[in-house]
PDB file of all heavy atoms in Angstrom:
ATOM      1  N   SER A   1    -123.468  26.098  -6.794  1.00  0.00           N
ATOM      2  CA  SER A   1    -122.304  26.431  -5.987  1.00  0.00           C
ATOM      3  C   SER A   1    -122.003  27.923  -5.922  1.00  0.00           C
ATOM      4  O   SER A   1    -121.235  28.353  -5.060  1.00  0.00           O
ATOM      5  CB  SER A   1    -121.072  25.693  -6.517  1.00  0.00           C
ATOM      6  OG  SER A   1    -120.806  26.050  -7.862  1.00  0.00           O
ATOM      7  N   VAL A   2    -122.595  28.707  -6.813  1.00  0.00           N
ATOM      8  CA  VAL A   2    -122.296  30.136  -6.853  1.00  0.00           C
ATOM      9  C   VAL A   2    -123.510  31.005  -6.587  1.00  0.00           C
ATOM     10  O   VAL A   2    -123.378  32.239  -6.524  1.00  0.00           O
ATOM     11  CB  VAL A   2    -121.663  30.544  -8.191  1.00  0.00           C
ATOM     12  CG1 VAL A   2    -120.423  29.714  -8.474  1.00  0.00           C
ATOM     13  CG2 VAL A   2    -122.673  30.418  -9.331  1.00  0.00           C
ATOM     14  N   LYS A   3    -124.672  30.418  -6.418  1.00  0.00           N
ATOM     15  CA  LYS A   3    -125.880  31.201  -6.177  1.00  0.00           C
ATOM     16  C   LYS A   3    -125.733  32.042  -4.916  1.00  0.00           C
ATOM     17  O   LYS A   3    -125.282  31.566  -3.884  1.00  0.00           O
ATOM     18  CB  LYS A   3    -127.094  30.280  -6.049  1.00  0.00           C
ATOM     19  CG  LYS A   3    -127.552  29.674  -7.358  1.00  0.00           C
ATOM     20  CD  LYS A   3    -128.783  28.805  -7.156  1.00  0.00           C
ATOM     21  CE  LYS A   3    -129.274  28.233  -8.474  1.00  0.00           C
ATOM     22  NZ  LYS A   3    -130.448  27.351  -8.289  1.00  0.00           N
ATOM     23  N   GLY A   4    -126.120  33.303  -5.038  1.00  0.00           N
ATOM     24  CA  GLY A   4    -126.033  34.213  -3.919  1.00  0.00           C
ATOM     25  C   GLY A   4    -124.698  34.903  -3.788  1.00  0.00           C
ATOM     26  O   GLY A   4    -124.585  35.875  -3.028  1.00  0.00           O
ATOM     27  N   ARG A   5    -123.677  34.437  -4.500  1.00  0.00           N
ATOM     28  CA  ARG A   5    -122.348  35.027  -4.412  1.00  0.00           C
ATOM     29  C   ARG A   5    -121.908  35.649  -5.734  1.00  0.00           C
ATOM     30  O   ARG A   5    -121.200  36.655  -5.726  1.00  0.00           O
ATOM     31  CB  ARG A   5    -121.316  33.987  -3.981  1.00  0.00           C
ATOM     32  CG  ARG A   5    -121.593  33.382  -2.608  1.00  0.00           C
ATOM     33  CD  ARG A   5    -120.438  32.489  -2.155  1.00  0.00           C
ATOM     34  NE  ARG A   5    -120.194  31.394  -3.073  1.00  0.00           N
ATOM     35  CZ  ARG A   5    -119.110  31.268  -3.823  1.00  0.00           C
ATOM     36  NH1 ARG A   5    -118.142  32.187  -3.747  1.00  0.00           N
ATOM     37  NH2 ARG A   5    -118.962  30.227  -4.627  1.00  0.00           N
ATOM     38  N   LEU A   6    -122.282  35.042  -6.824  1.00  0.00           N
ATOM     39  CA  LEU A   6    -121.903  35.523  -8.146  1.00  0.00           C
ATOM     40  C   LEU A   6    -123.131  36.014  -8.892  1.00  0.00           C
ATOM     41  O   LEU A   6    -124.207  35.414  -8.789  1.00  0.00           O
ATOM     42  CB  LEU A   6    -121.207  34.430  -8.953  1.00  0.00           C
ATOM     43  CG  LEU A   6    -119.699  34.251  -8.730  1.00  0.00           C
ATOM     44  CD1 LEU A   6    -119.385  33.891  -7.278  1.00  0.00           C
ATOM     45  CD2 LEU A   6    -119.146  33.192  -9.666  1.00  0.00           C
ATOM     46  N   THR A   7    -122.961  37.089  -9.639  1.00  0.00           N
ATOM     47  CA  THR A   7    -124.058  37.683 -10.386  1.00  0.00           C
ATOM     48  C   THR A   7    -123.613  37.968 -11.811  1.00  0.00           C
ATOM     49  O   THR A   7    -122.590  38.620 -12.027  1.00  0.00           O
ATOM     50  CB  THR A   7    -124.539  38.983  -9.731  1.00  0.00           C
ATOM     51  OG1 THR A   7    -124.940  38.737  -8.381  1.00  0.00           O
ATOM     52  CG2 THR A   7    -125.728  39.554 -10.501  1.00  0.00           C
ATOM     53  N   ILE A   8    -124.372  37.490 -12.768  1.00  0.00           N
ATOM     54  CA  ILE A   8    -124.090  37.761 -14.164  1.00  0.00           C
ATOM     55  C   ILE A   8    -124.999  38.882 -14.641  1.00  0.00           C
ATOM     56  O   ILE A   8    -126.166  38.953 -14.268  1.00  0.00           O
ATOM     57  CB  ILE A   8    -124.267  36.490 -15.030  1.00  0.00           C
ATOM     58  CG1 ILE A   8    -123.758  36.734 -16.454  1.00  0.00           C
ATOM     59  CG2 ILE A   8    -125.705  36.017 -15.032  1.00  0.00           C
ATOM     60  CD1 ILE A   8    -123.689  35.466 -17.300  1.00  0.00           C
ATOM     61  N   SER A   9    -124.461  39.759 -15.446  1.00  0.00           N
ATOM     62  CA  SER A   9    -125.227  40.866 -15.977  1.00  0.00           C
ATOM     63  C   SER A   9    -124.705  41.214 -17.361  1.00  0.00           C
ATOM     64  O   SER A   9    -123.675  40.704 -17.790  1.00  0.00           O
ATOM     65  CB  SER A   9    -125.162  42.088 -15.050  1.00  0.00           C
ATOM     66  OG  SER A   9    -123.829  42.552 -14.923  1.00  0.00           O
ATOM     67  N   ARG A  10    -125.418  42.089 -18.031  1.00  0.00           N
ATOM     68  CA  ARG A  10    -125.004  42.451 -19.379  1.00  0.00           C
ATOM     69  C   ARG A  10    -125.200  43.929 -19.638  1.00  0.00           C
ATOM     70  O   ARG A  10    -126.074  44.573 -19.041  1.00  0.00           O
ATOM     71  CB  ARG A  10    -125.789  41.639 -20.417  1.00  0.00           C
ATOM     72  CG  ARG A  10    -127.234  42.115 -20.641  1.00  0.00           C
ATOM     73  CD  ARG A  10    -128.114  40.994 -21.106  1.00  0.00           C
ATOM     74  NE  ARG A  10    -129.331  41.433 -21.781  1.00  0.00           N
ATOM     75  CZ  ARG A  10    -130.379  41.973 -21.187  1.00  0.00           C
ATOM     76  NH1 ARG A  10    -130.355  42.219 -19.888  1.00  0.00           N
ATOM     77  NH2 ARG A  10    -131.467  42.294 -21.888  1.00  0.00           N
ATOM     78  N   ASP A  11    -124.396  44.459 -20.522  1.00  0.00           N
ATOM     79  CA  ASP A  11    -124.545  45.804 -21.043  1.00  0.00           C
ATOM     80  C   ASP A  11    -124.602  45.643 -22.556  1.00  0.00           C
ATOM     81  O   ASP A  11    -123.572  45.589 -23.227  1.00  0.00           O
ATOM     82  CB  ASP A  11    -123.378  46.697 -20.620  1.00  0.00           C
ATOM     83  CG  ASP A  11    -123.583  48.144 -21.024  1.00  0.00           C
ATOM     84  OD1 ASP A  11    -124.350  48.412 -21.970  1.00  0.00           O
ATOM     85  OD2 ASP A  11    -122.978  49.026 -20.387  1.00  0.00           O
ATOM     86  N   ASN A  12    -125.798  45.548 -23.071  1.00  0.00           N
ATOM     87  CA  ASN A  12    -125.962  45.271 -24.491  1.00  0.00           C
ATOM     88  C   ASN A  12    -125.376  46.369 -25.379  1.00  0.00           C
ATOM     89  O   ASN A  12    -124.853  46.084 -26.458  1.00  0.00           O
ATOM     90  CB  ASN A  12    -127.444  45.076 -24.824  1.00  0.00           C
ATOM     91  CG  ASN A  12    -128.000  43.781 -24.275  1.00  0.00           C
ATOM     92  OD1 ASN A  12    -127.247  42.881 -23.902  1.00  0.00           O
ATOM     93  ND2 ASN A  12    -129.315  43.677 -24.214  1.00  0.00           N
ATOM     94  N   ALA A  13    -125.459  47.605 -24.922  1.00  0.00           N
ATOM     95  CA  ALA A  13    -124.915  48.707 -25.699  1.00  0.00           C
ATOM     96  C   ALA A  13    -123.410  48.582 -25.873  1.00  0.00           C
ATOM     97  O   ALA A  13    -122.855  48.998 -26.893  1.00  0.00           O
ATOM     98  CB  ALA A  13    -125.266  50.038 -25.052  1.00  0.00           C
ATOM     99  N   LYS A  14    -122.738  48.017 -24.882  1.00  0.00           N
ATOM    100  CA  LYS A  14    -121.293  47.837 -24.933  1.00  0.00           C
ATOM    101  C   LYS A  14    -120.890  46.446 -25.380  1.00  0.00           C
ATOM    102  O   LYS A  14    -119.699  46.132 -25.439  1.00  0.00           O
ATOM    103  CB  LYS A  14    -120.675  48.133 -23.564  1.00  0.00           C
ATOM    104  CG  LYS A  14    -120.844  49.563 -23.098  1.00  0.00           C
ATOM    105  CD  LYS A  14    -120.134  49.797 -21.785  1.00  0.00           C
ATOM    106  CE  LYS A  14    -120.305  51.235 -21.314  1.00  0.00           C
ATOM    107  NZ  LYS A  14    -119.671  52.193 -22.261  1.00  0.00           N
ATOM    108  N   ASN A  15    -121.887  45.604 -25.668  1.00  0.00           N
ATOM    109  CA  ASN A  15    -121.611  44.245 -26.122  1.00  0.00           C
ATOM    110  C   ASN A  15    -120.742  43.495 -25.110  1.00  0.00           C
ATOM    111  O   ASN A  15    -119.813  42.772 -25.478  1.00  0.00           O
ATOM    112  CB  ASN A  15    -120.923  44.259 -27.489  1.00  0.00           C
ATOM    113  CG  ASN A  15    -121.515  43.251 -28.455  1.00  0.00           C
ATOM    114  OD1 ASN A  15    -122.604  42.726 -28.251  1.00  0.00           O
ATOM    115  ND2 ASN A  15    -120.778  42.970 -29.522  1.00  0.00           N
ATOM    116  N   THR A  16    -121.072  43.668 -23.851  1.00  0.00           N
ATOM    117  CA  THR A  16    -120.256  43.129 -22.773  1.00  0.00           C
ATOM    118  C   THR A  16    -121.124  42.424 -21.736  1.00  0.00           C
ATOM    119  O   THR A  16    -122.220  42.882 -21.420  1.00  0.00           O
ATOM    120  CB  THR A  16    -119.451  44.242 -22.087  1.00  0.00           C
ATOM    121  OG1 THR A  16    -118.612  44.890 -23.056  1.00  0.00           O
ATOM    122  CG2 THR A  16    -118.576  43.681 -20.981  1.00  0.00           C
ATOM    123  N   VAL A  17    -120.606  41.326 -21.221  1.00  0.00           N
ATOM    124  CA  VAL A  17    -121.234  40.589 -20.132  1.00  0.00           C
ATOM    125  C   VAL A  17    -120.284  40.588 -18.945  1.00  0.00           C
ATOM    126  O   VAL A  17    -119.069  40.433 -19.114  1.00  0.00           O
ATOM    127  CB  VAL A  17    -121.588  39.159 -20.555  1.00  0.00           C
ATOM    128  CG1 VAL A  17    -122.060  38.334 -19.359  1.00  0.00           C
ATOM    129  CG2 VAL A  17    -122.665  39.176 -21.625  1.00  0.00           C
ATOM    130  N   PHE A  18    -120.835  40.742 -17.755  1.00  0.00           N
ATOM    131  CA  PHE A  18    -120.036  40.818 -16.546  1.00  0.00           C
ATOM    132  C   PHE A  18    -120.348  39.651 -15.617  1.00  0.00           C
ATOM    133  O   PHE A  18    -121.436  39.087 -15.637  1.00  0.00           O
ATOM    134  CB  PHE A  18    -120.303  42.123 -15.795  1.00  0.00           C
ATOM    135  CG  PHE A  18    -120.080  43.351 -16.611  1.00  0.00           C
ATOM    136  CD1 PHE A  18    -121.143  43.985 -17.245  1.00  0.00           C
ATOM    137  CD2 PHE A  18    -118.812  43.881 -16.761  1.00  0.00           C
ATOM    138  CE1 PHE A  18    -120.946  45.124 -18.002  1.00  0.00           C
ATOM    139  CE2 PHE A  18    -118.607  45.019 -17.521  1.00  0.00           C
ATOM    140  CZ  PHE A  18    -119.665  45.646 -18.141  1.00  0.00           C
ATOM    141  N   LEU A  19    -119.382  39.325 -14.794  1.00  0.00           N
ATOM    142  CA  LEU A  19    -119.580  38.367 -13.727  1.00  0.00           C
ATOM    143  C   LEU A  19    -119.037  38.984 -12.447  1.00  0.00           C
ATOM    144  O   LEU A  19    -117.824  39.072 -12.263  1.00  0.00           O
ATOM    145  CB  LEU A  19    -118.880  37.039 -14.014  1.00  0.00           C
ATOM    146  CG  LEU A  19    -119.126  35.936 -12.984  1.00  0.00           C
ATOM    147  CD1 LEU A  19    -120.586  35.491 -13.018  1.00  0.00           C
ATOM    148  CD2 LEU A  19    -118.202  34.750 -13.220  1.00  0.00           C
ATOM    149  N   GLN A  20    -119.948  39.442 -11.602  1.00  0.00           N
ATOM    150  CA  GLN A  20    -119.564  40.007 -10.319  1.00  0.00           C
ATOM    151  C   GLN A  20    -119.443  38.876  -9.310  1.00  0.00           C
ATOM    152  O   GLN A  20    -120.409  38.157  -9.071  1.00  0.00           O
ATOM    153  CB  GLN A  20    -120.597  41.034  -9.850  1.00  0.00           C
ATOM    154  CG  GLN A  20    -120.305  41.646  -8.487  1.00  0.00           C
ATOM    155  CD  GLN A  20    -119.049  42.479  -8.472  1.00  0.00           C
ATOM    156  OE1 GLN A  20    -118.862  43.313  -9.351  1.00  0.00           O
ATOM    157  NE2 GLN A  20    -118.187  42.258  -7.496  1.00  0.00           N
ATOM    158  N   MET A  21    -118.271  38.742  -8.716  1.00  0.00           N
ATOM    159  CA  MET A  21    -117.997  37.653  -7.792  1.00  0.00           C
ATOM    160  C   MET A  21    -117.741  38.221  -6.410  1.00  0.00           C
ATOM    161  O   MET A  21    -116.802  38.996  -6.217  1.00  0.00           O
ATOM    162  CB  MET A  21    -116.803  36.826  -8.271  1.00  0.00           C
ATOM    163  CG  MET A  21    -116.959  36.301  -9.692  1.00  0.00           C
ATOM    164  SD  MET A  21    -115.651  35.143 -10.167  1.00  0.00           S
ATOM    165  CE  MET A  21    -114.225  36.233 -10.103  1.00  0.00           C
ATOM    166  N   ASN A  22    -118.566  37.830  -5.461  1.00  0.00           N
ATOM    167  CA  ASN A  22    -118.442  38.267  -4.081  1.00  0.00           C
ATOM    168  C   ASN A  22    -118.263  37.063  -3.171  1.00  0.00           C
ATOM    169  O   ASN A  22    -118.559  35.928  -3.542  1.00  0.00           O
ATOM    170  CB  ASN A  22    -119.684  39.053  -3.653  1.00  0.00           C
ATOM    171  CG  ASN A  22    -119.912  40.299  -4.471  1.00  0.00           C
ATOM    172  OD1 ASN A  22    -118.969  40.959  -4.896  1.00  0.00           O
ATOM    173  ND2 ASN A  22    -121.170  40.638  -4.697  1.00  0.00           N
ATOM    174  N   SER A  23    -117.782  37.336  -1.965  1.00  0.00           N
ATOM    175  CA  SER A  23    -117.582  36.284  -0.966  1.00  0.00           C
ATOM    176  C   SER A  23    -116.822  35.110  -1.549  1.00  0.00           C
ATOM    177  O   SER A  23    -117.201  33.947  -1.389  1.00  0.00           O
ATOM    178  CB  SER A  23    -118.935  35.830  -0.402  1.00  0.00           C
ATOM    179  OG  SER A  23    -119.641  36.899   0.182  1.00  0.00           O
ATOM    180  N   LEU A  24    -115.738  35.403  -2.208  1.00  0.00           N
ATOM    181  CA  LEU A  24    -114.988  34.377  -2.918  1.00  0.00           C
ATOM    182  C   LEU A  24    -114.342  33.375  -1.973  1.00  0.00           C
ATOM    183  O   LEU A  24    -113.892  33.728  -0.879  1.00  0.00           O
ATOM    184  CB  LEU A  24    -113.931  35.016  -3.803  1.00  0.00           C
ATOM    185  CG  LEU A  24    -114.483  35.664  -5.077  1.00  0.00           C
ATOM    186  CD1 LEU A  24    -113.426  36.546  -5.731  1.00  0.00           C
ATOM    187  CD2 LEU A  24    -114.963  34.597  -6.049  1.00  0.00           C
ATOM    188  N   LYS A  25    -114.300  32.144  -2.417  1.00  0.00           N
ATOM    189  CA  LYS A  25    -113.724  31.042  -1.671  1.00  0.00           C
ATOM    190  C   LYS A  25    -112.548  30.463  -2.445  1.00  0.00           C
ATOM    191  O   LYS A  25    -112.480  30.605  -3.666  1.00  0.00           O
ATOM    192  CB  LYS A  25    -114.775  29.952  -1.441  1.00  0.00           C
ATOM    193  CG  LYS A  25    -116.058  30.428  -0.800  1.00  0.00           C
ATOM    194  CD  LYS A  25    -117.080  29.300  -0.748  1.00  0.00           C
ATOM    195  CE  LYS A  25    -118.378  29.766  -0.134  1.00  0.00           C
ATOM    196  NZ  LYS A  25    -119.393  28.672  -0.100  1.00  0.00           N
ATOM    197  N   PRO A  26    -111.627  29.793  -1.756  1.00  0.00           N
ATOM    198  CA  PRO A  26    -110.531  29.138  -2.478  1.00  0.00           C
ATOM    199  C   PRO A  26    -111.028  28.175  -3.554  1.00  0.00           C
ATOM    200  O   PRO A  26    -110.360  28.012  -4.579  1.00  0.00           O
ATOM    201  CB  PRO A  26    -109.781  28.394  -1.367  1.00  0.00           C
ATOM    202  CG  PRO A  26    -110.019  29.219  -0.153  1.00  0.00           C
ATOM    203  CD  PRO A  26    -111.438  29.715  -0.300  1.00  0.00           C
ATOM    204  N   GLU A  27    -112.180  27.570  -3.338  1.00  0.00           N
ATOM    205  CA  GLU A  27    -112.745  26.655  -4.318  1.00  0.00           C
ATOM    206  C   GLU A  27    -113.154  27.349  -5.615  1.00  0.00           C
ATOM    207  O   GLU A  27    -113.406  26.682  -6.618  1.00  0.00           O
ATOM    208  CB  GLU A  27    -113.970  25.933  -3.742  1.00  0.00           C
ATOM    209  CG  GLU A  27    -113.712  25.237  -2.421  1.00  0.00           C
ATOM    210  CD  GLU A  27    -114.057  26.121  -1.241  1.00  0.00           C
ATOM    211  OE1 GLU A  27    -113.180  26.897  -0.807  1.00  0.00           O
ATOM    212  OE2 GLU A  27    -115.203  26.032  -0.740  1.00  0.00           O
ATOM    213  N   ASP A  28    -113.242  28.681  -5.594  1.00  0.00           N
ATOM    214  CA  ASP A  28    -113.583  29.433  -6.793  1.00  0.00           C
ATOM    215  C   ASP A  28    -112.389  29.644  -7.707  1.00  0.00           C
ATOM    216  O   ASP A  28    -112.547  30.141  -8.825  1.00  0.00           O
ATOM    217  CB  ASP A  28    -114.181  30.791  -6.422  1.00  0.00           C
ATOM    218  CG  ASP A  28    -115.511  30.667  -5.702  1.00  0.00           C
ATOM    219  OD1 ASP A  28    -116.351  29.853  -6.124  1.00  0.00           O
ATOM    220  OD2 ASP A  28    -115.714  31.404  -4.708  1.00  0.00           O
ATOM    221  N   THR A  29    -111.204  29.314  -7.245  1.00  0.00           N
ATOM    222  CA  THR A  29    -110.004  29.460  -8.057  1.00  0.00           C
ATOM    223  C   THR A  29    -110.127  28.639  -9.331  1.00  0.00           C
ATOM    224  O   THR A  29    -110.399  27.438  -9.286  1.00  0.00           O
ATOM    225  CB  THR A  29    -108.768  29.019  -7.280  1.00  0.00           C
ATOM    226  OG1 THR A  29    -108.560  29.891  -6.162  1.00  0.00           O
ATOM    227  CG2 THR A  29    -107.530  29.046  -8.159  1.00  0.00           C
ATOM    228  N   ALA A  30    -109.937  29.299 -10.463  1.00  0.00           N
ATOM    229  CA  ALA A  30    -110.067  28.619 -11.744  1.00  0.00           C
ATOM    230  C   ALA A  30    -109.760  29.589 -12.875  1.00  0.00           C
ATOM    231  O   ALA A  30    -109.656  30.800 -12.667  1.00  0.00           O
ATOM    232  CB  ALA A  30    -111.477  28.052 -11.924  1.00  0.00           C
ATOM    233  N   LEU A  31    -109.626  29.037 -14.061  1.00  0.00           N
ATOM    234  CA  LEU A  31    -109.598  29.829 -15.274  1.00  0.00           C
ATOM    235  C   LEU A  31    -111.039  30.043 -15.705  1.00  0.00           C
ATOM    236  O   LEU A  31    -111.752  29.074 -15.999  1.00  0.00           O
ATOM    237  CB  LEU A  31    -108.813  29.122 -16.373  1.00  0.00           C
ATOM    238  CG  LEU A  31    -108.699  29.875 -17.693  1.00  0.00           C
ATOM    239  CD1 LEU A  31    -107.769  31.075 -17.537  1.00  0.00           C
ATOM    240  CD2 LEU A  31    -108.203  28.959 -18.802  1.00  0.00           C
ATOM    241  N   TYR A  32    -111.454  31.289 -15.745  1.00  0.00           N
ATOM    242  CA  TYR A  32    -112.829  31.616 -16.103  1.00  0.00           C
ATOM    243  C   TYR A  32    -112.899  32.024 -17.565  1.00  0.00           C
ATOM    244  O   TYR A  32    -112.165  32.915 -18.005  1.00  0.00           O
ATOM    245  CB  TYR A  32    -113.353  32.748 -15.217  1.00  0.00           C
ATOM    246  CG  TYR A  32    -113.702  32.299 -13.828  1.00  0.00           C
ATOM    247  CD1 TYR A  32    -112.708  32.025 -12.894  1.00  0.00           C
ATOM    248  CD2 TYR A  32    -115.034  32.131 -13.432  1.00  0.00           C
ATOM    249  CE1 TYR A  32    -113.028  31.599 -11.618  1.00  0.00           C
ATOM    250  CE2 TYR A  32    -115.356  31.712 -12.163  1.00  0.00           C
ATOM    251  CZ  TYR A  32    -114.355  31.444 -11.259  1.00  0.00           C
ATOM    252  OH  TYR A  32    -114.673  31.024  -9.989  1.00  0.00           O
ATOM    253  N   SER A  33    -113.789  31.386 -18.303  1.00  0.00           N
ATOM    254  CA  SER A  33    -113.960  31.663 -19.712  1.00  0.00           C
ATOM    255  C   SER A  33    -115.413  32.003 -19.997  1.00  0.00           C
ATOM    256  O   SER A  33    -116.322  31.433 -19.389  1.00  0.00           O
ATOM    257  CB  SER A  33    -113.558  30.461 -20.570  1.00  0.00           C
ATOM    258  OG  SER A  33    -112.204  30.116 -20.364  1.00  0.00           O
ATOM    259  N   CYS A  34    -115.618  32.926 -20.914  1.00  0.00           N
ATOM    260  CA  CYS A  34    -116.970  33.201 -21.362  1.00  0.00           C
ATOM    261  C   CYS A  34    -117.175  32.572 -22.726  1.00  0.00           C
ATOM    262  O   CYS A  34    -116.228  32.342 -23.481  1.00  0.00           O
ATOM    263  CB  CYS A  34    -117.269  34.704 -21.395  1.00  0.00           C
ATOM    264  SG  CYS A  34    -116.293  35.674 -22.558  1.00  0.00           S
ATOM    265  N   ALA A  35    -118.414  32.281 -23.024  1.00  0.00           N
ATOM    266  CA  ALA A  35    -118.751  31.607 -24.264  1.00  0.00           C
ATOM    267  C   ALA A  35    -120.064  32.149 -24.801  1.00  0.00           C
ATOM    268  O   ALA A  35    -120.925  32.599 -24.041  1.00  0.00           O
ATOM    269  CB  ALA A  35    -118.858  30.097 -24.044  1.00  0.00           C
TER     270      ALA A  35
END
């Protein structure tokens, strides 16, 4: 459902993971949690 619109990436030096979300739809509304 998110292929082509959302991209996950990481910055290991900063110990951080990102989720870039583009072309957002109302169906994307949610509480987003990382694990």
